[in-house]
């Protein structure tokens, strides 16, 4: 991984990296709403080689917006008869067969991951 803390520039849809030169940025990235803010507050660029090629990750500063709540506080009870019961009286009943099928699938996938980890440990 290469890190460019200084000397990089962003101009339109081009990114300049020292010792590399100008690199084109994909159009779908530059068309996002916050692209101007990203360009203005970019602090460093990390270039990483992945399976499908090289990728540049731009580290920038972002203001955190505070989300306004609706003023409601709700207690949640997870039970057997009703899947979810809230303190304000709302009841959510989910299909128990689907939940059990998802739990079984999760267990099967976790078993596959565990087997692959064991194989990788033997080879290392």
C-alpha atoms as a PDB file:
ATOM      1  CA  UNK A   1       0.000   0.000   0.000  1.00  0.00           C
ATOM      2  CA  UNK A   2       1.296   3.435  -0.929  1.00  0.00           C
ATOM      3  CA  UNK A   3       0.344   6.523   1.058  1.00  0.00           C
ATOM      4  CA  UNK A   4       0.523  10.023  -0.401  1.00  0.00           C
ATOM      5  CA  UNK A   5       0.064  12.459   2.509  1.00  0.00           C
ATOM      6  CA  UNK A   6       1.205  15.418   0.438  1.00  0.00           C
ATOM      7  CA  UNK A   7       1.889  16.360  -3.146  1.00  0.00           C
ATOM      8  CA  UNK A   8      -1.293  14.897  -4.619  1.00  0.00           C
ATOM      9  CA  UNK A   9      -3.817  17.048  -6.473  1.00  0.00           C
ATOM     10  CA  UNK A  10      -7.372  16.533  -7.648  1.00  0.00           C
ATOM     11  CA  UNK A  11      -8.360  18.402 -10.800  1.00  0.00           C
ATOM     12  CA  UNK A  12     -11.781  17.642 -12.257  1.00  0.00           C
ATOM     13  CA  UNK A  13     -11.836  13.905 -12.895  1.00  0.00           C
ATOM     14  CA  UNK A  14      -8.047  13.518 -12.699  1.00  0.00           C
ATOM     15  CA  UNK A  15      -5.902  12.647  -9.672  1.00  0.00           C
ATOM     16  CA  UNK A  16      -2.201  13.541  -9.626  1.00  0.00           C
ATOM     17  CA  UNK A  17       0.057  11.272  -7.603  1.00  0.00           C
ATOM     18  CA  UNK A  18       3.761  12.057  -7.208  1.00  0.00           C
ATOM     19  CA  UNK A  19       6.027   9.552  -9.031  1.00  0.00           C
ATOM     20  CA  UNK A  20       2.958   8.100 -10.768  1.00  0.00           C
ATOM     21  CA  UNK A  21       1.431  11.011 -12.658  1.00  0.00           C
ATOM     22  CA  UNK A  22      -2.121  11.830 -13.613  1.00  0.00           C
ATOM     23  CA  UNK A  23      -4.714   9.078 -13.160  1.00  0.00           C
ATOM     24  CA  UNK A  24      -8.334   9.262 -14.306  1.00  0.00           C
ATOM     25  CA  UNK A  25     -11.048   8.948 -11.649  1.00  0.00           C
ATOM     26  CA  UNK A  26     -14.182   6.980 -12.531  1.00  0.00           C
ATOM     27  CA  UNK A  27     -17.109   9.165 -13.591  1.00  0.00           C
ATOM     28  CA  UNK A  28     -19.573   7.624 -11.132  1.00  0.00           C
ATOM     29  CA  UNK A  29     -17.429   8.847  -8.222  1.00  0.00           C
ATOM     30  CA  UNK A  30     -17.199  12.431  -9.446  1.00  0.00           C
ATOM     31  CA  UNK A  31     -20.953  12.648 -10.007  1.00  0.00           C
ATOM     32  CA  UNK A  32     -21.782  12.024  -6.335  1.00  0.00           C
ATOM     33  CA  UNK A  33     -23.301  14.905  -4.375  1.00  0.00           C
ATOM     34  CA  UNK A  34     -20.450  15.413  -1.920  1.00  0.00           C
ATOM     35  CA  UNK A  35     -17.619  15.261  -4.480  1.00  0.00           C
ATOM     36  CA  UNK A  36     -16.842  19.002  -4.172  1.00  0.00           C
ATOM     37  CA  UNK A  37     -16.508  18.673  -0.395  1.00  0.00           C
ATOM     38  CA  UNK A  38     -14.260  15.631  -0.804  1.00  0.00           C
ATOM     39  CA  UNK A  39     -11.995  17.501  -3.214  1.00  0.00           C
ATOM     40  CA  UNK A  40     -11.788  20.511  -0.893  1.00  0.00           C
ATOM     41  CA  UNK A  41     -11.004  18.587   2.297  1.00  0.00           C
ATOM     42  CA  UNK A  42      -8.824  15.725   0.939  1.00  0.00           C
ATOM     43  CA  UNK A  43      -5.959  15.018   3.356  1.00  0.00           C
ATOM     44  CA  UNK A  44      -4.206  11.981   1.897  1.00  0.00           C
ATOM     45  CA  UNK A  45      -4.531   9.266  -0.730  1.00  0.00           C
ATOM     46  CA  UNK A  46      -3.934   5.554  -0.134  1.00  0.00           C
ATOM     47  CA  UNK A  47      -3.244   3.411  -3.195  1.00  0.00           C
ATOM     48  CA  UNK A  48      -3.866  -0.297  -2.730  1.00  0.00           C
ATOM     49  CA  UNK A  49      -3.533  -3.228  -5.122  1.00  0.00           C
ATOM     50  CA  UNK A  50      -6.520  -5.542  -5.041  1.00  0.00           C
ATOM     51  CA  UNK A  51      -7.626  -8.497  -7.140  1.00  0.00           C
ATOM     52  CA  UNK A  52      -9.284  -6.385  -9.847  1.00  0.00           C
ATOM     53  CA  UNK A  53      -6.576  -3.709 -10.063  1.00  0.00           C
ATOM     54  CA  UNK A  54      -5.293  -0.668  -8.202  1.00  0.00           C
ATOM     55  CA  UNK A  55      -7.615   1.493  -6.139  1.00  0.00           C
ATOM     56  CA  UNK A  56      -7.105   4.917  -4.594  1.00  0.00           C
ATOM     57  CA  UNK A  57      -8.810   5.671  -1.302  1.00  0.00           C
ATOM     58  CA  UNK A  58      -9.137   9.387  -0.563  1.00  0.00           C
ATOM     59  CA  UNK A  59      -9.078  10.339   3.118  1.00  0.00           C
ATOM     60  CA  UNK A  60     -11.024  13.533   3.723  1.00  0.00           C
ATOM     61  CA  UNK A  61     -12.619  15.460   6.548  1.00  0.00           C
ATOM     62  CA  UNK A  62     -16.381  15.386   6.909  1.00  0.00           C
ATOM     63  CA  UNK A  63     -18.684  17.263   9.221  1.00  0.00           C
ATOM     64  CA  UNK A  64     -20.896  15.019  11.254  1.00  0.00           C
ATOM     65  CA  UNK A  65     -24.523  15.956  11.134  1.00  0.00           C
ATOM     66  CA  UNK A  66     -26.647  15.312  14.193  1.00  0.00           C
ATOM     67  CA  UNK A  67     -29.751  13.302  13.392  1.00  0.00           C
ATOM     68  CA  UNK A  68     -32.900  14.638  14.940  1.00  0.00           C
ATOM     69  CA  UNK A  69     -34.950  12.107  16.868  1.00  0.00           C
ATOM     70  CA  UNK A  70     -38.720  12.016  17.027  1.00  0.00           C
ATOM     71  CA  UNK A  71     -38.661  12.117  20.827  1.00  0.00           C
ATOM     72  CA  UNK A  72     -39.944   8.554  21.241  1.00  0.00           C
ATOM     73  CA  UNK A  73     -38.310   6.043  23.526  1.00  0.00           C
ATOM     74  CA  UNK A  74     -39.403   2.472  22.983  1.00  0.00           C
ATOM     75  CA  UNK A  75     -38.566  -0.716  24.838  1.00  0.00           C
ATOM     76  CA  UNK A  76     -38.337  -3.874  22.749  1.00  0.00           C
ATOM     77  CA  UNK A  77     -39.193  -7.387  23.943  1.00  0.00           C
ATOM     78  CA  UNK A  78     -38.241 -10.392  21.862  1.00  0.00           C
ATOM     79  CA  UNK A  79     -40.427 -13.349  22.674  1.00  0.00           C
ATOM     80  CA  UNK A  80     -41.813 -16.669  21.518  1.00  0.00           C
ATOM     81  CA  UNK A  81     -45.488 -15.895  20.904  1.00  0.00           C
ATOM     82  CA  UNK A  82     -44.924 -12.494  19.298  1.00  0.00           C
ATOM     83  CA  UNK A  83     -41.537 -12.098  17.692  1.00  0.00           C
ATOM     84  CA  UNK A  84     -41.146  -8.434  18.679  1.00  0.00           C
ATOM     85  CA  UNK A  85     -43.348  -6.478  21.097  1.00  0.00           C
ATOM     86  CA  UNK A  86     -42.717  -2.773  21.732  1.00  0.00           C
ATOM     87  CA  UNK A  87     -43.657  -0.847  24.851  1.00  0.00           C
ATOM     88  CA  UNK A  88     -45.950   1.471  22.867  1.00  0.00           C
ATOM     89  CA  UNK A  89     -48.116  -1.526  21.878  1.00  0.00           C
ATOM     90  CA  UNK A  90     -46.777  -2.268  18.395  1.00  0.00           C
ATOM     91  CA  UNK A  91     -46.407  -5.981  17.734  1.00  0.00           C
ATOM     92  CA  UNK A  92     -44.317  -7.440  14.914  1.00  0.00           C
ATOM     93  CA  UNK A  93     -44.790 -11.110  14.127  1.00  0.00           C
ATOM     94  CA  UNK A  94     -42.238 -12.586  11.781  1.00  0.00           C
ATOM     95  CA  UNK A  95     -42.520 -15.916  10.000  1.00  0.00           C
ATOM     96  CA  UNK A  96     -40.858 -18.404  12.353  1.00  0.00           C
ATOM     97  CA  UNK A  97     -40.084 -20.847   9.503  1.00  0.00           C
ATOM     98  CA  UNK A  98     -38.070 -18.153   7.711  1.00  0.00           C
ATOM     99  CA  UNK A  99     -36.193 -17.272  10.889  1.00  0.00           C
ATOM    100  CA  UNK A 100     -35.312 -20.921  11.511  1.00  0.00           C
ATOM    101  CA  UNK A 101     -34.266 -21.402   7.873  1.00  0.00           C
ATOM    102  CA  UNK A 102     -31.990 -18.352   8.096  1.00  0.00           C
ATOM    103  CA  UNK A 103     -30.510 -19.628  11.363  1.00  0.00           C
ATOM    104  CA  UNK A 104     -29.804 -23.015   9.758  1.00  0.00           C
ATOM    105  CA  UNK A 105     -28.199 -21.363   6.720  1.00  0.00           C
ATOM    106  CA  UNK A 106     -26.074 -19.193   9.018  1.00  0.00           C
ATOM    107  CA  UNK A 107     -24.843 -22.283  10.868  1.00  0.00           C
ATOM    108  CA  UNK A 108     -23.993 -24.041   7.589  1.00  0.00           C
ATOM    109  CA  UNK A 109     -22.059 -21.040   6.258  1.00  0.00           C
ATOM    110  CA  UNK A 110     -20.221 -20.637   9.556  1.00  0.00           C
ATOM    111  CA  UNK A 111     -19.226 -24.313   9.402  1.00  0.00           C
ATOM    112  CA  UNK A 112     -17.828 -23.790   5.889  1.00  0.00           C
ATOM    113  CA  UNK A 113     -15.816 -20.789   7.091  1.00  0.00           C
ATOM    114  CA  UNK A 114     -14.454 -22.784  10.043  1.00  0.00           C
ATOM    115  CA  UNK A 115     -13.373 -25.649   7.752  1.00  0.00           C
ATOM    116  CA  UNK A 116     -11.590 -23.229   5.396  1.00  0.00           C
ATOM    117  CA  UNK A 117      -9.792 -21.597   8.323  1.00  0.00           C
ATOM    118  CA  UNK A 118      -8.636 -25.016   9.567  1.00  0.00           C
ATOM    119  CA  UNK A 119      -7.316 -25.900   6.099  1.00  0.00           C
ATOM    120  CA  UNK A 120      -5.471 -22.585   5.829  1.00  0.00           C
ATOM    121  CA  UNK A 121      -3.865 -23.065   9.266  1.00  0.00           C
ATOM    122  CA  UNK A 122      -2.521 -26.462   8.231  1.00  0.00           C
ATOM    123  CA  UNK A 123      -0.965 -25.033   5.066  1.00  0.00           C
ATOM    124  CA  UNK A 124       0.731 -22.098   6.837  1.00  0.00           C
END
